[in-house]
C-alpha atoms as a PDB file:
ATOM      1  CA  UNK A   1       6.330-106.145 -22.188  1.00  0.00           C
ATOM      2  CA  UNK A   2       2.346-105.339 -22.810  1.00  0.00           C
ATOM      3  CA  UNK A   3       1.934-105.077 -19.332  1.00  0.00           C
ATOM      4  CA  UNK A   4       4.455-102.477 -19.067  1.00  0.00           C
ATOM      5  CA  UNK A   5       2.817-100.362 -21.953  1.00  0.00           C
ATOM      6  CA  UNK A   6      -0.449-100.679 -20.569  1.00  0.00           C
ATOM      7  CA  UNK A   7       0.803 -99.615 -17.006  1.00  0.00           C
ATOM      8  CA  UNK A   8       2.747 -96.557 -18.699  1.00  0.00           C
ATOM      9  CA  UNK A   9      -0.566 -95.623 -20.566  1.00  0.00           C
ATOM     10  CA  UNK A  10      -2.405 -95.569 -17.237  1.00  0.00           C
ATOM     11  CA  UNK A  11       0.214 -93.481 -15.389  1.00  0.00           C
ATOM     12  CA  UNK A  12       0.350 -90.872 -18.488  1.00  0.00           C
ATOM     13  CA  UNK A  13      -3.562 -90.596 -18.366  1.00  0.00           C
ATOM     14  CA  UNK A  14      -3.540 -90.315 -14.409  1.00  0.00           C
ATOM     15  CA  UNK A  15      -0.570 -87.680 -14.426  1.00  0.00           C
ATOM     16  CA  UNK A  16      -2.732 -85.764 -17.329  1.00  0.00           C
ATOM     17  CA  UNK A  17      -5.911 -85.917 -15.417  1.00  0.00           C
ATOM     18  CA  UNK A  18      -4.120 -84.677 -11.995  1.00  0.00           C
ATOM     19  CA  UNK A  19      -2.456 -81.777 -14.424  1.00  0.00           C
ATOM     20  CA  UNK A  20      -6.047 -80.847 -15.778  1.00  0.00           C
ATOM     21  CA  UNK A  21      -7.357 -80.773 -12.087  1.00  0.00           C
ATOM     22  CA  UNK A  22      -4.155 -78.754 -11.091  1.00  0.00           C
ATOM     23  CA  UNK A  23      -4.716 -76.328 -13.893  1.00  0.00           C
ATOM     24  CA  UNK A  24      -8.532 -75.871 -12.859  1.00  0.00           C
ATOM     25  CA  UNK A  25      -7.874 -75.100  -9.381  1.00  0.00           C
ATOM     26  CA  UNK A  26      -5.143 -72.216 -10.312  1.00  0.00           C
ATOM     27  CA  UNK A  27      -7.353 -70.705 -12.683  1.00  0.00           C
ATOM     28  CA  UNK A  28     -10.114 -70.822 -10.211  1.00  0.00           C
ATOM     29  CA  UNK A  29      -7.874 -68.963  -7.585  1.00  0.00           C
ATOM     30  CA  UNK A  30      -6.738 -66.386 -10.112  1.00  0.00           C
ATOM     31  CA  UNK A  31     -10.401 -65.564 -10.841  1.00  0.00           C
ATOM     32  CA  UNK A  32     -11.224 -65.186  -7.090  1.00  0.00           C
ATOM     33  CA  UNK A  33      -8.167 -63.035  -6.512  1.00  0.00           C
ATOM     34  CA  UNK A  34      -8.673 -60.724  -9.443  1.00  0.00           C
ATOM     35  CA  UNK A  35     -12.528 -60.109  -9.233  1.00  0.00           C
ATOM     36  CA  UNK A  36     -12.406 -60.114  -5.161  1.00  0.00           C
ATOM     37  CA  UNK A  37     -14.985 -62.610  -4.891  1.00  0.00           C
ATOM     38  CA  UNK A  38     -13.438 -65.040  -2.667  1.00  0.00           C
ATOM     39  CA  UNK A  39     -15.701 -64.614   0.467  1.00  0.00           C
ATOM     40  CA  UNK A  40     -19.368 -64.064   1.448  1.00  0.00           C
ATOM     41  CA  UNK A  41     -19.837 -60.446   1.413  1.00  0.00           C
ATOM     42  CA  UNK A  42     -20.773 -58.958   5.032  1.00  0.00           C
ATOM     43  CA  UNK A  43     -24.307 -58.037   5.282  1.00  0.00           C
ATOM     44  CA  UNK A  44     -24.883 -54.663   6.411  1.00  0.00           C
ATOM     45  CA  UNK A  45     -27.902 -52.997   8.044  1.00  0.00           C
ATOM     46  CA  UNK A  46     -28.898 -50.055  10.205  1.00  0.00           C
ATOM     47  CA  UNK A  47     -26.959 -51.426  13.090  1.00  0.00           C
ATOM     48  CA  UNK A  48     -23.656 -50.563  11.174  1.00  0.00           C
ATOM     49  CA  UNK A  49     -24.457 -46.878  10.719  1.00  0.00           C
ATOM     50  CA  UNK A  50     -23.665 -44.565  13.918  1.00  0.00           C
ATOM     51  CA  UNK A  51     -26.688 -42.172  13.767  1.00  0.00           C
ATOM     52  CA  UNK A  52     -26.307 -38.718  15.566  1.00  0.00           C
ATOM     53  CA  UNK A  53     -28.307 -38.407  18.804  1.00  0.00           C
ATOM     54  CA  UNK A  54     -31.840 -36.673  18.217  1.00  0.00           C
ATOM     55  CA  UNK A  55     -32.193 -38.399  14.602  1.00  0.00           C
ATOM     56  CA  UNK A  56     -34.792 -40.700  13.345  1.00  0.00           C
ATOM     57  CA  UNK A  57     -34.637 -42.771  10.175  1.00  0.00           C
ATOM     58  CA  UNK A  58     -37.333 -41.860   7.768  1.00  0.00           C
ATOM     59  CA  UNK A  59     -36.316 -43.874   4.682  1.00  0.00           C
ATOM     60  CA  UNK A  60     -34.263 -47.197   4.613  1.00  0.00           C
ATOM     61  CA  UNK A  61     -33.489 -48.846   1.037  1.00  0.00           C
ATOM     62  CA  UNK A  62     -31.300 -51.512   0.038  1.00  0.00           C
ATOM     63  CA  UNK A  63     -30.196 -51.201  -3.364  1.00  0.00           C
ATOM     64  CA  UNK A  64     -27.722 -53.392  -5.635  1.00  0.00           C
ATOM     65  CA  UNK A  65     -25.784 -52.646  -8.863  1.00  0.00           C
ATOM     66  CA  UNK A  66     -25.029 -55.848 -10.651  1.00  0.00           C
ATOM     67  CA  UNK A  67     -22.527 -54.170 -13.270  1.00  0.00           C
ATOM     68  CA  UNK A  68     -18.880 -54.405 -13.823  1.00  0.00           C
ATOM     69  CA  UNK A  69     -18.271 -54.022  -9.848  1.00  0.00           C
ATOM     70  CA  UNK A  70     -21.052 -55.537  -8.145  1.00  0.00           C
ATOM     71  CA  UNK A  71     -22.252 -54.073  -4.687  1.00  0.00           C
ATOM     72  CA  UNK A  72     -25.305 -53.776  -2.491  1.00  0.00           C
ATOM     73  CA  UNK A  73     -25.542 -50.448  -0.558  1.00  0.00           C
ATOM     74  CA  UNK A  74     -28.082 -49.214   2.179  1.00  0.00           C
ATOM     75  CA  UNK A  75     -29.522 -46.001   1.297  1.00  0.00           C
ATOM     76  CA  UNK A  76     -30.633 -44.118   4.515  1.00  0.00           C
ATOM     77  CA  UNK A  77     -32.495 -40.784   4.993  1.00  0.00           C
ATOM     78  CA  UNK A  78     -32.369 -39.537   8.552  1.00  0.00           C
ATOM     79  CA  UNK A  79     -34.164 -36.296  10.122  1.00  0.00           C
ATOM     80  CA  UNK A  80     -33.017 -34.497  13.099  1.00  0.00           C
ATOM     81  CA  UNK A  81     -35.522 -31.921  14.205  1.00  0.00           C
ATOM     82  CA  UNK A  82     -33.530 -30.534  16.882  1.00  0.00           C
ATOM     83  CA  UNK A  83     -30.801 -29.424  14.671  1.00  0.00           C
ATOM     84  CA  UNK A  84     -31.176 -25.961  13.400  1.00  0.00           C
ATOM     85  CA  UNK A  85     -30.254 -26.730   9.700  1.00  0.00           C
ATOM     86  CA  UNK A  86     -29.004 -29.932   7.638  1.00  0.00           C
ATOM     87  CA  UNK A  87     -25.624 -28.199   7.495  1.00  0.00           C
ATOM     88  CA  UNK A  88     -25.456 -28.326  11.186  1.00  0.00           C
ATOM     89  CA  UNK A  89     -26.773 -31.876  11.518  1.00  0.00           C
ATOM     90  CA  UNK A  90     -23.921 -32.626   8.914  1.00  0.00           C
ATOM     91  CA  UNK A  91     -21.408 -31.078  10.852  1.00  0.00           C
ATOM     92  CA  UNK A  92     -22.230 -32.864  13.989  1.00  0.00           C
ATOM     93  CA  UNK A  93     -22.381 -36.093  12.244  1.00  0.00           C
ATOM     94  CA  UNK A  94     -18.872 -35.788  10.630  1.00  0.00           C
ATOM     95  CA  UNK A  95     -17.299 -34.731  14.135  1.00  0.00           C
ATOM     96  CA  UNK A  96     -19.194 -37.830  15.799  1.00  0.00           C
ATOM     97  CA  UNK A  97     -17.938 -40.159  12.853  1.00  0.00           C
ATOM     98  CA  UNK A  98     -14.372 -38.723  13.563  1.00  0.00           C
ATOM     99  CA  UNK A  99     -14.701 -39.307  17.292  1.00  0.00           C
ATOM    100  CA  UNK A 100     -15.643 -42.968  16.740  1.00  0.00           C
ATOM    101  CA  UNK A 101     -12.427 -43.551  14.364  1.00  0.00           C
ATOM    102  CA  UNK A 102     -13.860 -43.121  11.015  1.00  0.00           C
ATOM    103  CA  UNK A 103     -11.555 -41.427   8.472  1.00  0.00           C
ATOM    104  CA  UNK A 104     -13.452 -38.735   6.649  1.00  0.00           C
ATOM    105  CA  UNK A 105     -12.635 -37.401   3.037  1.00  0.00           C
ATOM    106  CA  UNK A 106     -14.436 -35.860  -0.027  1.00  0.00           C
ATOM    107  CA  UNK A 107     -17.107 -37.919  -1.469  1.00  0.00           C
ATOM    108  CA  UNK A 108     -17.387 -39.238  -4.967  1.00  0.00           C
ATOM    109  CA  UNK A 109     -19.017 -35.566  -6.152  1.00  0.00           C
ATOM    110  CA  UNK A 110     -18.048 -32.523  -4.485  1.00  0.00           C
ATOM    111  CA  UNK A 111     -21.208 -32.103  -2.258  1.00  0.00           C
ATOM    112  CA  UNK A 112     -20.817 -35.499  -0.283  1.00  0.00           C
ATOM    113  CA  UNK A 113     -18.468 -36.665   2.337  1.00  0.00           C
ATOM    114  CA  UNK A 114     -17.057 -40.093   2.395  1.00  0.00           C
ATOM    115  CA  UNK A 115     -16.064 -41.992   5.700  1.00  0.00           C
ATOM    116  CA  UNK A 116     -14.268 -45.291   6.125  1.00  0.00           C
ATOM    117  CA  UNK A 117     -14.693 -47.207   9.177  1.00  0.00           C
ATOM    118  CA  UNK A 118     -12.041 -48.317  11.540  1.00  0.00           C
ATOM    119  CA  UNK A 119     -10.470 -51.380   9.824  1.00  0.00           C
ATOM    120  CA  UNK A 120     -12.111 -50.035   6.420  1.00  0.00           C
ATOM    121  CA  UNK A 121     -14.560 -52.627   6.276  1.00  0.00           C
ATOM    122  CA  UNK A 122     -17.667 -50.161   5.837  1.00  0.00           C
ATOM    123  CA  UNK A 123     -17.665 -46.989   3.640  1.00  0.00           C
ATOM    124  CA  UNK A 124     -20.462 -44.386   4.166  1.00  0.00           C
ATOM    125  CA  UNK A 125     -21.168 -41.192   2.000  1.00  0.00           C
ATOM    126  CA  UNK A 126     -23.379 -38.667   3.251  1.00  0.00           C
ATOM    127  CA  UNK A 127     -24.700 -35.275   2.077  1.00  0.00           C
ATOM    128  CA  UNK A 128     -27.701 -32.764   2.792  1.00  0.00           C
ATOM    129  CA  UNK A 129     -30.895 -33.730   1.538  1.00  0.00           C
ATOM    130  CA  UNK A 130     -30.505 -30.806  -0.979  1.00  0.00           C
ATOM    131  CA  UNK A 131     -27.027 -31.698  -2.042  1.00  0.00           C
ATOM    132  CA  UNK A 132     -27.921 -35.191  -2.675  1.00  0.00           C
ATOM    133  CA  UNK A 133     -31.095 -34.117  -4.751  1.00  0.00           C
ATOM    134  CA  UNK A 134     -28.846 -31.668  -6.813  1.00  0.00           C
ATOM    135  CA  UNK A 135     -26.369 -34.779  -7.274  1.00  0.00           C
ATOM    136  CA  UNK A 136     -29.321 -37.002  -8.629  1.00  0.00           C
ATOM    137  CA  UNK A 137     -30.793 -34.233 -10.843  1.00  0.00           C
ATOM    138  CA  UNK A 138     -27.382 -33.508 -12.239  1.00  0.00           C
ATOM    139  CA  UNK A 139     -26.845 -37.288 -12.932  1.00  0.00           C
ATOM    140  CA  UNK A 140     -23.587 -37.331 -10.656  1.00  0.00           C
ATOM    141  CA  UNK A 141     -25.044 -40.018  -8.412  1.00  0.00           C
ATOM    142  CA  UNK A 142     -27.792 -42.479  -8.331  1.00  0.00           C
ATOM    143  CA  UNK A 143     -30.316 -43.158  -5.603  1.00  0.00           C
ATOM    144  CA  UNK A 144     -33.601 -45.411  -5.731  1.00  0.00           C
ATOM    145  CA  UNK A 145     -36.861 -43.570  -6.527  1.00  0.00           C
ATOM    146  CA  UNK A 146     -37.741 -44.042  -2.690  1.00  0.00           C
ATOM    147  CA  UNK A 147     -34.969 -42.524  -1.465  1.00  0.00           C
ATOM    148  CA  UNK A 148     -35.102 -39.253  -3.866  1.00  0.00           C
ATOM    149  CA  UNK A 149     -39.052 -39.114  -2.876  1.00  0.00           C
ATOM    150  CA  UNK A 150     -38.008 -39.330   0.921  1.00  0.00           C
ATOM    151  CA  UNK A 151     -35.412 -36.579   0.260  1.00  0.00           C
ATOM    152  CA  UNK A 152     -37.725 -34.233  -1.478  1.00  0.00           C
ATOM    153  CA  UNK A 153     -40.361 -34.641   1.011  1.00  0.00           C
ATOM    154  CA  UNK A 154     -38.025 -33.570   3.868  1.00  0.00           C
ATOM    155  CA  UNK A 155     -37.048 -30.584   1.634  1.00  0.00           C
ATOM    156  CA  UNK A 156     -40.708 -29.532   1.426  1.00  0.00           C
ATOM    157  CA  UNK A 157     -41.027 -29.874   5.050  1.00  0.00           C
ATOM    158  CA  UNK A 158     -37.922 -27.872   5.656  1.00  0.00           C
ATOM    159  CA  UNK A 159     -36.631 -30.624   7.961  1.00  0.00           C
ATOM    160  CA  UNK A 160     -32.853 -30.991   8.637  1.00  0.00           C
ATOM    161  CA  UNK A 161     -31.993 -34.215   6.726  1.00  0.00           C
ATOM    162  CA  UNK A 162     -29.181 -36.178   5.797  1.00  0.00           C
ATOM    163  CA  UNK A 163     -29.046 -38.811   2.986  1.00  0.00           C
ATOM    164  CA  UNK A 164     -26.492 -41.528   3.810  1.00  0.00           C
ATOM    165  CA  UNK A 165     -25.363 -44.360   1.689  1.00  0.00           C
ATOM    166  CA  UNK A 166     -23.381 -47.513   3.303  1.00  0.00           C
ATOM    167  CA  UNK A 167     -21.396 -50.016   1.242  1.00  0.00           C
ATOM    168  CA  UNK A 168     -19.501 -52.978   2.705  1.00  0.00           C
ATOM    169  CA  UNK A 169     -15.845 -52.268   2.144  1.00  0.00           C
ATOM    170  CA  UNK A 170     -13.877 -48.997   1.020  1.00  0.00           C
ATOM    171  CA  UNK A 171     -13.548 -47.800  -2.275  1.00  0.00           C
END
């Protein structure tokens, strides 16, 4: 009889331990599903931004937000000297994105245009230098100091320029 009691205790503790492990796995999976942190975020770079012909990158800054919904973004300022204005550059770029299969919509503030890549793996927002500086000054959007300075420089140079922000995933 004593061996039976001992084996029942051993079985009980083994099952209890297994239950704890199963519960821990269930909780971990639930946290990963709810927070969306199940995989490694895709690294983004300039190669992910289809730039219009005749433009050059004058600023390229990676910025991360570690808040409630953490993300990293690439903030890029491009200049297109062959375009008559920033509005013309923006219109050409929007048409180019549509031809490449990007879906466009209004951006987070009224001045920006948003675009999701085919497959919705990337989200891009763009605005003219003036529009983005207005958004920064009005506290509608945030840009790094380096990006804001670059946008300001293009304004003083009267260069046709766009501000582009690229993030991984659509929002």
